[in-house]
Amino acid sequence: MNDARTRIPSKAQAIETEVRRRIVEREWRQGQRIPDEADLAVEFDAARSTVNKALQRLADEGLLDRRRRAGTRVAVDPVRKATFAISIVREQVEQAGMAYSHRVVAQRRTPVPEDIAARLGIAPGTPLIHMRALHYGDGRPFQLEDRWLNPEAVRGLERADFWQLNANEWLVRNTPYLRAEMSFSAENASRRDARLLQTQVGQALLVLHRSTWNDLGPVTSVRVAYPPGHVVTTQRAIE
């Protein structure tokens, strides 16, 4: 086998996994200096060379920034920091001066279809959580989301009550992501779209497809359909 991961000791793999977890779950934040190799060797009961191998792999992946005599820090990712931020729908509605509410139309665990599997890079038929929900502003449809969630990549998902707190807000606040893909398109409203968004079948809708991944794999893929007349704005935060 040629995978470099198979050529490093299992102890180094365990250290790599734990350090990555601390980064993904923001125990160690971007720009923060992490403990020295000697301290990590004591913590993990490993040789310093083993710790070095684990940290170097994470540096090669871009998660760590290692500089001689300056220590090792969690990398500051300029690409991620300068891209589209996932908005919390409730805040959008309230900022527009409307009262927010949401309704879960359906939620169940079911095999993922081929098109969503291809989008996420997983095998068709993998069991995921499929849900549809409506967000309202002053009682009128604000957006319709059709979402697939991967329980293997979302810690705490089994405790989340999406009938009370919408999935969009819960994910933004609880599940950091490392990569996202988005596309916008115009689509004609299906019968389901028209019924839920209170519009006509065949009406042109603005549709967003967004998928996110973290270190554990694909987090979610969501289709967001907006009613006619909706305007989407974005901003880029450069820190």
C-alpha atoms as a PDB file:
ATOM      1  CA  MET A   1       0.000   0.000   0.000  1.00  0.00           C
ATOM      2  CA  ASN A   2       1.279   3.461  -0.899  1.00  0.00           C
ATOM      3  CA  ASP A   3      -0.717   5.619   1.486  1.00  0.00           C
ATOM      4  CA  ALA A   4       1.772   7.540   3.629  1.00  0.00           C
ATOM      5  CA  ARG A   5      -0.608   7.168   6.556  1.00  0.00           C
ATOM      6  CA  THR A   6       0.097   3.439   6.642  1.00  0.00           C
ATOM      7  CA  ARG A   7       3.833   4.025   7.037  1.00  0.00           C
ATOM      8  CA  ILE A   8       3.672   5.961  10.303  1.00  0.00           C
ATOM      9  CA  PRO A   9       3.239   4.332  13.716  1.00  0.00           C
ATOM     10  CA  SER A  10      -0.285   3.790  15.032  1.00  0.00           C
ATOM     11  CA  LYS A  11       0.617   6.018  17.985  1.00  0.00           C
ATOM     12  CA  ALA A  12       1.282   8.884  15.593  1.00  0.00           C
ATOM     13  CA  GLN A  13      -2.084   8.258  13.920  1.00  0.00           C
ATOM     14  CA  ALA A  14      -3.817   8.517  17.297  1.00  0.00           C
ATOM     15  CA  ILE A  15      -2.014  11.783  18.089  1.00  0.00           C
ATOM     16  CA  GLU A  16      -2.843  13.149  14.633  1.00  0.00           C
ATOM     17  CA  THR A  17      -6.518  12.277  15.090  1.00  0.00           C
ATOM     18  CA  GLU A  18      -6.740  13.902  18.515  1.00  0.00           C
ATOM     19  CA  VAL A  19      -4.930  17.090  17.465  1.00  0.00           C
ATOM     20  CA  ARG A  20      -7.159  17.366  14.397  1.00  0.00           C
ATOM     21  CA  ARG A  21     -10.236  16.943  16.609  1.00  0.00           C
ATOM     22  CA  ARG A  22      -9.112  19.791  18.865  1.00  0.00           C
ATOM     23  CA  ILE A  23      -8.686  22.030  15.819  1.00  0.00           C
ATOM     24  CA  VAL A  24     -11.989  21.086  14.172  1.00  0.00           C
ATOM     25  CA  GLU A  25     -13.935  21.483  17.416  1.00  0.00           C
ATOM     26  CA  ARG A  26     -12.158  24.794  18.121  1.00  0.00           C
ATOM     27  CA  GLU A  27     -10.534  23.765  21.361  1.00  0.00           C
ATOM     28  CA  TRP A  28      -7.450  25.188  19.650  1.00  0.00           C
ATOM     29  CA  ARG A  29      -8.434  28.207  17.569  1.00  0.00           C
ATOM     30  CA  GLN A  30      -6.931  29.704  14.443  1.00  0.00           C
ATOM     31  CA  GLY A  31      -3.644  31.447  15.176  1.00  0.00           C
ATOM     32  CA  GLN A  32      -3.320  29.904  18.634  1.00  0.00           C
ATOM     33  CA  ARG A  33       0.025  28.387  19.579  1.00  0.00           C
ATOM     34  CA  ILE A  34      -0.334  24.743  20.581  1.00  0.00           C
ATOM     35  CA  PRO A  35       1.745  22.973  23.267  1.00  0.00           C
ATOM     36  CA  ASP A  36       5.369  22.204  22.436  1.00  0.00           C
ATOM     37  CA  GLU A  37       6.319  18.776  21.127  1.00  0.00           C
ATOM     38  CA  ALA A  38       7.916  17.869  24.457  1.00  0.00           C
ATOM     39  CA  ASP A  39       4.697  18.657  26.337  1.00  0.00           C
ATOM     40  CA  LEU A  40       2.587  16.716  23.847  1.00  0.00           C
ATOM     41  CA  ALA A  41       4.981  13.761  24.108  1.00  0.00           C
ATOM     42  CA  VAL A  42       4.342  13.671  27.855  1.00  0.00           C
ATOM     43  CA  GLU A  43       0.576  14.054  27.422  1.00  0.00           C
ATOM     44  CA  PHE A  44       0.326  11.259  24.863  1.00  0.00           C
ATOM     45  CA  ASP A  45       3.041   9.086  26.448  1.00  0.00           C
ATOM     46  CA  ALA A  46       4.907   8.983  23.146  1.00  0.00           C
ATOM     47  CA  ALA A  47       8.364   9.690  21.791  1.00  0.00           C
ATOM     48  CA  ARG A  48       8.952  13.231  20.655  1.00  0.00           C
ATOM     49  CA  SER A  49       9.762  11.961  17.156  1.00  0.00           C
ATOM     50  CA  THR A  50       6.315  10.338  17.004  1.00  0.00           C
ATOM     51  CA  VAL A  51       4.654  13.614  17.958  1.00  0.00           C
ATOM     52  CA  ASN A  52       6.749  15.370  15.312  1.00  0.00           C
ATOM     53  CA  LYS A  53       5.518  12.983  12.596  1.00  0.00           C
ATOM     54  CA  ALA A  54       1.887  13.528  13.573  1.00  0.00           C
ATOM     55  CA  LEU A  55       2.211  17.307  13.647  1.00  0.00           C
ATOM     56  CA  GLN A  56       4.087  17.373  10.357  1.00  0.00           C
ATOM     57  CA  ARG A  57       1.269  15.493   8.616  1.00  0.00           C
ATOM     58  CA  LEU A  58      -1.206  18.067   9.887  1.00  0.00           C
ATOM     59  CA  ALA A  59       1.102  20.841   8.726  1.00  0.00           C
ATOM     60  CA  ASP A  60       1.266  19.212   5.286  1.00  0.00           C
ATOM     61  CA  GLU A  61      -2.545  19.264   5.213  1.00  0.00           C
ATOM     62  CA  GLY A  62      -2.505  22.979   6.027  1.00  0.00           C
ATOM     63  CA  LEU A  63      -4.041  22.679   9.493  1.00  0.00           C
ATOM     64  CA  LEU A  64      -0.879  23.694  11.350  1.00  0.00           C
ATOM     65  CA  ASP A  65       1.721  26.392  10.748  1.00  0.00           C
ATOM     66  CA  ARG A  66       5.157  25.237  11.957  1.00  0.00           C
ATOM     67  CA  ARG A  67       8.023  27.704  12.173  1.00  0.00           C
ATOM     68  CA  ARG A  68      11.449  27.123  13.608  1.00  0.00           C
ATOM     69  CA  ARG A  69      11.953  28.831  16.966  1.00  0.00           C
ATOM     70  CA  ALA A  70       8.402  30.234  16.751  1.00  0.00           C
ATOM     71  CA  GLY A  71       6.551  27.076  17.715  1.00  0.00           C
ATOM     72  CA  THR A  72       3.508  25.505  16.086  1.00  0.00           C
ATOM     73  CA  ARG A  73       0.232  27.343  15.655  1.00  0.00           C
ATOM     74  CA  VAL A  74      -3.179  26.453  14.290  1.00  0.00           C
ATOM     75  CA  ALA A  75      -3.127  27.721  10.721  1.00  0.00           C
ATOM     76  CA  VAL A  76      -5.137  30.790   9.813  1.00  0.00           C
ATOM     77  CA  ASP A  77      -6.920  29.822   6.609  1.00  0.00           C
ATOM     78  CA  PRO A  78      -7.288  32.941   4.415  1.00  0.00           C
ATOM     79  CA  VAL A  79      -9.401  31.127   1.849  1.00  0.00           C
ATOM     80  CA  ARG A  80     -11.993  30.072   4.382  1.00  0.00           C
ATOM     81  CA  LYS A  81     -11.981  33.453   6.117  1.00  0.00           C
ATOM     82  CA  ALA A  82     -12.635  35.279   2.852  1.00  0.00           C
ATOM     83  CA  THR A  83     -15.468  33.149   1.554  1.00  0.00           C
ATOM     84  CA  PHE A  84     -19.228  33.281   1.840  1.00  0.00           C
ATOM     85  CA  ALA A  85     -20.382  32.973   5.437  1.00  0.00           C
ATOM     86  CA  ILE A  86     -23.361  30.727   6.124  1.00  0.00           C
ATOM     87  CA  SER A  87     -26.103  32.999   7.398  1.00  0.00           C
ATOM     88  CA  ILE A  88     -28.533  32.201  10.169  1.00  0.00           C
ATOM     89  CA  VAL A  89     -31.971  32.471   8.589  1.00  0.00           C
ATOM     90  CA  ARG A  90     -33.665  33.606  11.776  1.00  0.00           C
ATOM     91  CA  GLU A  91     -31.318  36.587  11.998  1.00  0.00           C
ATOM     92  CA  GLN A  92     -31.969  37.488   8.356  1.00  0.00           C
ATOM     93  CA  VAL A  93     -35.714  37.499   8.958  1.00  0.00           C
ATOM     94  CA  GLU A  94     -35.473  39.520  12.155  1.00  0.00           C
ATOM     95  CA  GLN A  95     -33.074  42.028  10.587  1.00  0.00           C
ATOM     96  CA  ALA A  96     -35.704  42.583   7.906  1.00  0.00           C
ATOM     97  CA  GLY A  97     -38.124  43.592  10.681  1.00  0.00           C
ATOM     98  CA  MET A  98     -40.248  40.462  10.527  1.00  0.00           C
ATOM     99  CA  ALA A  99     -41.232  37.889  13.130  1.00  0.00           C
ATOM    100  CA  TYR A 100     -39.458  34.586  12.552  1.00  0.00           C
ATOM    101  CA  SER A 101     -40.929  31.109  12.741  1.00  0.00           C
ATOM    102  CA  HIS A 102     -40.130  27.762  11.199  1.00  0.00           C
ATOM    103  CA  ARG A 103     -41.828  24.439  10.559  1.00  0.00           C
ATOM    104  CA  VAL A 104     -40.384  20.980   9.927  1.00  0.00           C
ATOM    105  CA  VAL A 105     -42.336  19.393   7.100  1.00  0.00           C
ATOM    106  CA  ALA A 106     -40.666  15.973   7.283  1.00  0.00           C
ATOM    107  CA  GLN A 107     -37.690  14.311   8.939  1.00  0.00           C
ATOM    108  CA  ARG A 108     -36.518  10.715   8.683  1.00  0.00           C
ATOM    109  CA  ARG A 109     -33.440   8.539   8.259  1.00  0.00           C
ATOM    110  CA  THR A 110     -33.342   7.156   4.735  1.00  0.00           C
ATOM    111  CA  PRO A 111     -30.865   5.959   2.054  1.00  0.00           C
ATOM    112  CA  VAL A 112     -29.314   8.851   0.142  1.00  0.00           C
ATOM    113  CA  PRO A 113     -30.166   9.010  -3.601  1.00  0.00           C
ATOM    114  CA  GLU A 114     -27.474   8.942  -6.272  1.00  0.00           C
ATOM    115  CA  ASP A 115     -27.457  12.668  -7.061  1.00  0.00           C
ATOM    116  CA  ILE A 116     -26.954  13.708  -3.425  1.00  0.00           C
ATOM    117  CA  ALA A 117     -24.418  10.919  -2.876  1.00  0.00           C
ATOM    118  CA  ALA A 118     -22.411  12.182  -5.857  1.00  0.00           C
ATOM    119  CA  ARG A 119     -22.559  15.725  -4.521  1.00  0.00           C
ATOM    120  CA  LEU A 120     -21.228  14.598  -1.126  1.00  0.00           C
ATOM    121  CA  GLY A 121     -18.793  11.995  -2.415  1.00  0.00           C
ATOM    122  CA  ILE A 122     -20.335   9.030  -0.592  1.00  0.00           C
ATOM    123  CA  ALA A 123     -21.865   5.733  -1.661  1.00  0.00           C
ATOM    124  CA  PRO A 124     -25.473   5.800  -2.888  1.00  0.00           C
ATOM    125  CA  GLY A 125     -27.791   4.257  -0.341  1.00  0.00           C
ATOM    126  CA  THR A 126     -25.790   5.457   2.672  1.00  0.00           C
ATOM    127  CA  PRO A 127     -28.308   6.133   5.488  1.00  0.00           C
ATOM    128  CA  LEU A 128     -28.579   9.883   6.135  1.00  0.00           C
ATOM    129  CA  ILE A 129     -31.126  12.093   7.838  1.00  0.00           C
ATOM    130  CA  HIS A 130     -33.396  13.759   5.293  1.00  0.00           C
ATOM    131  CA  MET A 131     -35.509  16.702   6.327  1.00  0.00           C
ATOM    132  CA  ARG A 132     -37.563  19.458   4.737  1.00  0.00           C
ATOM    133  CA  ALA A 133     -38.331  22.658   6.609  1.00  0.00           C
ATOM    134  CA  LEU A 134     -39.891  26.042   5.959  1.00  0.00           C
ATOM    135  CA  HIS A 135     -38.692  29.350   7.372  1.00  0.00           C
ATOM    136  CA  TYR A 136     -41.263  32.135   7.688  1.00  0.00           C
ATOM    137  CA  GLY A 137     -41.190  35.907   8.031  1.00  0.00           C
ATOM    138  CA  ASP A 138     -44.418  37.354   9.459  1.00  0.00           C
ATOM    139  CA  GLY A 139     -46.112  34.062   8.635  1.00  0.00           C
ATOM    140  CA  ARG A 140     -45.155  34.105   4.942  1.00  0.00           C
ATOM    141  CA  PRO A 141     -42.668  31.646   3.394  1.00  0.00           C
ATOM    142  CA  PHE A 142     -39.142  33.073   3.474  1.00  0.00           C
ATOM    143  CA  GLN A 143     -37.253  30.010   2.253  1.00  0.00           C
ATOM    144  CA  LEU A 144     -37.706  26.273   1.833  1.00  0.00           C
ATOM    145  CA  GLU A 145     -34.842  23.933   2.632  1.00  0.00           C
ATOM    146  CA  ASP A 146     -34.447  20.310   1.621  1.00  0.00           C
ATOM    147  CA  ARG A 147     -31.523  19.000   3.670  1.00  0.00           C
ATOM    148  CA  TRP A 148     -29.483  15.807   3.997  1.00  0.00           C
ATOM    149  CA  LEU A 149     -27.462  15.394   7.199  1.00  0.00           C
ATOM    150  CA  ASN A 150     -24.652  12.929   7.823  1.00  0.00           C
ATOM    151  CA  PRO A 151     -24.831  11.709  11.454  1.00  0.00           C
ATOM    152  CA  GLU A 152     -21.294  10.282  11.158  1.00  0.00           C
ATOM    153  CA  ALA A 153     -19.823  13.788  10.757  1.00  0.00           C
ATOM    154  CA  VAL A 154     -22.067  15.786  13.111  1.00  0.00           C
ATOM    155  CA  ARG A 155     -21.345  15.309  16.805  1.00  0.00           C
ATOM    156  CA  GLY A 156     -24.337  15.764  19.066  1.00  0.00           C
ATOM    157  CA  LEU A 157     -26.830  15.341  16.250  1.00  0.00           C
ATOM    158  CA  GLU A 158     -28.782  12.707  18.176  1.00  0.00           C
ATOM    159  CA  ARG A 159     -29.516  15.319  20.880  1.00  0.00           C
ATOM    160  CA  ALA A 160     -30.611  18.073  18.496  1.00  0.00           C
ATOM    161  CA  ASP A 161     -34.344  18.749  18.395  1.00  0.00           C
ATOM    162  CA  PHE A 162     -34.891  20.342  14.996  1.00  0.00           C
ATOM    163  CA  TRP A 163     -38.596  20.604  15.642  1.00  0.00           C
ATOM    164  CA  GLN A 164     -37.744  23.327  18.151  1.00  0.00           C
ATOM    165  CA  LEU A 165     -34.452  24.821  16.851  1.00  0.00           C
ATOM    166  CA  ASN A 166     -33.957  24.982  13.102  1.00  0.00           C
ATOM    167  CA  ALA A 167     -31.156  22.886  11.593  1.00  0.00           C
ATOM    168  CA  ASN A 168     -29.551  25.879   9.858  1.00  0.00           C
ATOM    169  CA  GLU A 169     -28.923  27.711  13.131  1.00  0.00           C
ATOM    170  CA  TRP A 170     -27.897  24.608  15.071  1.00  0.00           C
ATOM    171  CA  LEU A 171     -25.318  23.601  12.463  1.00  0.00           C
ATOM    172  CA  VAL A 172     -23.811  27.090  12.174  1.00  0.00           C
ATOM    173  CA  ARG A 173     -23.396  27.266  15.946  1.00  0.00           C
ATOM    174  CA  ASN A 174     -22.304  23.685  16.632  1.00  0.00           C
ATOM    175  CA  THR A 175     -20.578  22.165  13.605  1.00  0.00           C
ATOM    176  CA  PRO A 176     -17.503  23.919  12.192  1.00  0.00           C
ATOM    177  CA  TYR A 177     -16.721  23.053   8.593  1.00  0.00           C
ATOM    178  CA  LEU A 178     -13.454  22.937   6.689  1.00  0.00           C
ATOM    179  CA  ARG A 179     -14.781  23.147   3.121  1.00  0.00           C
ATOM    180  CA  ALA A 180     -17.945  24.251   1.364  1.00  0.00           C
ATOM    181  CA  GLU A 181     -19.289  24.162  -2.168  1.00  0.00           C
ATOM    182  CA  MET A 182     -22.157  26.359  -3.347  1.00  0.00           C
ATOM    183  CA  SER A 183     -24.025  27.008  -6.562  1.00  0.00           C
ATOM    184  CA  PHE A 184     -26.991  29.189  -7.499  1.00  0.00           C
ATOM    185  CA  SER A 185     -29.465  28.396 -10.238  1.00  0.00           C
ATOM    186  CA  ALA A 186     -32.924  29.269 -11.494  1.00  0.00           C
ATOM    187  CA  GLU A 187     -35.401  26.402 -11.319  1.00  0.00           C
ATOM    188  CA  ASN A 188     -39.089  26.113 -12.075  1.00  0.00           C
ATOM    189  CA  ALA A 189     -41.199  25.418  -9.000  1.00  0.00           C
ATOM    190  CA  SER A 190     -42.318  21.823  -8.666  1.00  0.00           C
ATOM    191  CA  ARG A 191     -45.727  21.014  -7.225  1.00  0.00           C
ATOM    192  CA  ARG A 192     -44.150  20.598  -3.788  1.00  0.00           C
ATOM    193  CA  ASP A 193     -42.175  23.858  -4.107  1.00  0.00           C
ATOM    194  CA  ALA A 194     -45.290  25.726  -5.211  1.00  0.00           C
ATOM    195  CA  ARG A 195     -47.430  24.328  -2.405  1.00  0.00           C
ATOM    196  CA  LEU A 196     -44.937  25.070   0.356  1.00  0.00           C
ATOM    197  CA  LEU A 197     -43.786  28.460  -0.953  1.00  0.00           C
ATOM    198  CA  GLN A 198     -47.358  29.481  -1.807  1.00  0.00           C
ATOM    199  CA  THR A 199     -46.629  30.222  -5.452  1.00  0.00           C
ATOM    200  CA  GLN A 200     -47.504  28.798  -8.880  1.00  0.00           C
ATOM    201  CA  VAL A 201     -46.239  25.551 -10.381  1.00  0.00           C
ATOM    202  CA  GLY A 202     -43.564  26.413 -12.931  1.00  0.00           C
ATOM    203  CA  GLN A 203     -42.774  29.785 -11.307  1.00  0.00           C
ATOM    204  CA  ALA A 204     -39.070  30.638 -11.613  1.00  0.00           C
ATOM    205  CA  LEU A 205     -37.321  30.292  -8.249  1.00  0.00           C
ATOM    206  CA  LEU A 206     -33.838  31.205  -7.091  1.00  0.00           C
ATOM    207  CA  VAL A 207     -32.256  28.023  -5.720  1.00  0.00           C
ATOM    208  CA  LEU A 208     -29.055  27.564  -3.715  1.00  0.00           C
ATOM    209  CA  HIS A 209     -27.292  24.215  -3.418  1.00  0.00           C
ATOM    210  CA  ARG A 210     -24.738  24.113  -0.597  1.00  0.00           C
ATOM    211  CA  SER A 211     -22.648  21.238   0.735  1.00  0.00           C
ATOM    212  CA  THR A 212     -20.158  21.323   3.609  1.00  0.00           C
ATOM    213  CA  TRP A 213     -17.461  18.987   4.895  1.00  0.00           C
ATOM    214  CA  ASN A 214     -15.401  18.688   8.046  1.00  0.00           C
ATOM    215  CA  ASP A 215     -12.584  16.336   8.976  1.00  0.00           C
ATOM    216  CA  LEU A 216     -15.038  13.505   9.608  1.00  0.00           C
ATOM    217  CA  GLY A 217     -16.575  13.708   6.140  1.00  0.00           C
ATOM    218  CA  PRO A 218     -19.562  15.399   4.510  1.00  0.00           C
ATOM    219  CA  VAL A 219     -21.698  17.321   7.003  1.00  0.00           C
ATOM    220  CA  THR A 220     -24.754  18.318   5.009  1.00  0.00           C
ATOM    221  CA  SER A 221     -26.114  19.006   1.556  1.00  0.00           C
ATOM    222  CA  VAL A 222     -29.025  21.412   1.331  1.00  0.00           C
ATOM    223  CA  ARG A 223     -31.210  22.774  -1.441  1.00  0.00           C
ATOM    224  CA  VAL A 224     -32.631  26.161  -0.481  1.00  0.00           C
ATOM    225  CA  ALA A 225     -35.472  27.533  -2.610  1.00  0.00           C
ATOM    226  CA  TYR A 226     -36.559  31.149  -2.284  1.00  0.00           C
ATOM    227  CA  PRO A 227     -39.984  32.566  -3.181  1.00  0.00           C
ATOM    228  CA  PRO A 228     -40.285  34.943  -6.167  1.00  0.00           C
ATOM    229  CA  GLY A 229     -38.852  38.396  -5.474  1.00  0.00           C
ATOM    230  CA  HIS A 230     -36.321  37.225  -2.882  1.00  0.00           C
ATOM    231  CA  VAL A 231     -32.937  38.985  -2.995  1.00  0.00           C
ATOM    232  CA  VAL A 232     -29.776  37.299  -1.731  1.00  0.00           C
ATOM    233  CA  THR A 233     -26.806  39.427  -0.678  1.00  0.00           C
ATOM    234  CA  THR A 234     -23.381  38.291   0.449  1.00  0.00           C
ATOM    235  CA  GLN A 235     -20.423  39.880   2.159  1.00  0.00           C
ATOM    236  CA  ARG A 236     -16.822  38.845   2.612  1.00  0.00           C
ATOM    237  CA  ALA A 237     -15.142  39.234   5.953  1.00  0.00           C
ATOM    238  CA  ILE A 238     -11.395  39.804   5.739  1.00  0.00           C
ATOM    239  CA  GLU A 239      -9.621  39.570   9.076  1.00  0.00           C
END
